[in-house]
Protein backbone atom coordinates (compact mmCIF):
# COMPACT_ATOMS: atom_id res chain seq x y z
CA UNK A 1 144.04 161.22 1.95
CA UNK A 2 142.42 159.99 5.11
CA UNK A 3 143.57 157.58 7.78
CA UNK A 4 140.98 155.13 6.45
CA UNK A 5 142.68 155.23 3.03
CA UNK A 6 145.98 154.25 4.61
CA UNK A 7 144.45 151.71 6.98
CA UNK A 8 142.43 149.86 4.37
CA UNK A 9 144.82 149.48 1.48
CA UNK A 10 145.81 145.96 0.44
CA UNK A 11 149.43 145.57 -0.55
CA UNK A 12 150.03 144.37 -4.09
CA UNK A 13 153.69 143.60 -3.38
CA UNK A 14 155.89 142.75 -0.43
CA UNK A 15 159.66 143.31 -0.43
CA UNK A 16 162.02 141.77 2.13
CA UNK A 17 164.87 144.25 2.59
CA UNK A 18 168.38 142.95 3.34
CA UNK A 19 168.18 144.36 6.90
CA UNK A 20 165.19 142.13 7.72
CA UNK A 21 162.54 144.81 7.35
CA UNK A 22 159.60 144.45 4.97
CA UNK A 23 158.01 147.03 2.71
CA UNK A 24 154.48 146.38 1.54
CA UNK A 25 153.19 148.64 -1.20
CA UNK A 26 150.63 149.23 -3.85
CA UNK A 27 150.34 151.57 -6.79
CA UNK A 28 147.59 154.05 -6.06
CA UNK A 29 144.82 153.34 -8.55
CA UNK A 30 146.00 149.76 -8.99
CA UNK A 31 148.87 148.12 -10.74
CA UNK A 32 150.13 144.87 -12.16
CA UNK A 33 153.29 143.28 -10.77
CA UNK A 34 156.08 143.57 -13.35
CA UNK A 35 154.61 146.62 -15.09
CA UNK A 36 156.19 150.07 -14.67
CA UNK A 37 154.24 153.07 -13.40
CA UNK A 38 154.69 156.71 -12.52
CA UNK A 39 152.65 158.40 -9.82
CA UNK A 40 151.78 157.79 -6.19
CA UNK A 41 152.48 154.68 -4.14
CA UNK A 42 151.12 153.63 -0.73
CA UNK A 43 153.43 151.73 1.60
CA UNK A 44 153.88 150.18 5.03
CA UNK A 45 157.31 149.63 6.58
CA UNK A 46 157.51 146.71 9.02
CA UNK A 47 160.49 145.97 11.26
CA UNK A 48 162.16 142.55 11.38
CA UNK A 49 159.54 141.33 13.89
CA UNK A 50 156.64 142.44 11.67
CA UNK A 51 155.76 145.49 13.75
CA UNK A 52 154.65 148.53 11.78
CA UNK A 53 157.20 151.36 11.77
CA UNK A 54 155.49 153.79 9.41
CA UNK A 55 153.02 153.99 6.55
CA UNK A 56 152.20 156.60 3.98
CA UNK A 57 150.83 157.60 0.62
CA UNK A 58 153.50 160.14 -0.22
CA UNK A 59 155.97 158.28 -2.41
CA UNK A 60 155.89 159.70 -5.95
CA UNK A 61 157.74 158.35 -8.96
CA UNK A 62 158.15 160.54 -12.02
CA UNK A 63 160.13 157.90 -13.88
CA UNK A 64 158.31 154.58 -14.41
CA UNK A 65 159.00 152.06 -11.63
CA UNK A 66 157.98 148.44 -11.12
CA UNK A 67 156.72 147.47 -7.68
CA UNK A 68 160.13 145.97 -6.88
CA UNK A 69 161.99 149.11 -7.97
CA UNK A 70 159.68 151.33 -5.92
CA UNK A 71 160.13 149.11 -2.85
CA UNK A 72 163.93 149.13 -3.18
CA UNK A 73 163.92 152.93 -3.54
CA UNK A 74 161.80 153.23 -0.40
CA UNK A 75 164.13 150.86 1.49
CA UNK A 76 167.12 153.02 0.49
CA UNK A 77 165.26 156.17 1.52
CA UNK A 78 164.34 154.75 4.93
CA UNK A 79 167.96 153.66 5.47
CA UNK A 80 169.29 157.12 4.60
CA UNK A 81 166.72 158.81 6.85
CA UNK A 82 167.39 156.42 9.73
CA UNK A 83 163.81 155.19 9.82
């Protein structure tokens, strides 16, 4: 994975977390909203003002997840980690 990979991805889904932050993500290799997938997801976490906090391509699901489920899991993870 290169920086260009992370910089150039186009989010397939955007999730507004209850704390005002936003998670934008896509299923690596493409996905359809509403369908469940296993594998790798790319994401960007934005704070309540829309400023990027972090991004990555390291979220793996081994149980099928929809885009919404993956985003909610990431939001919970970031909360637990204090990100």
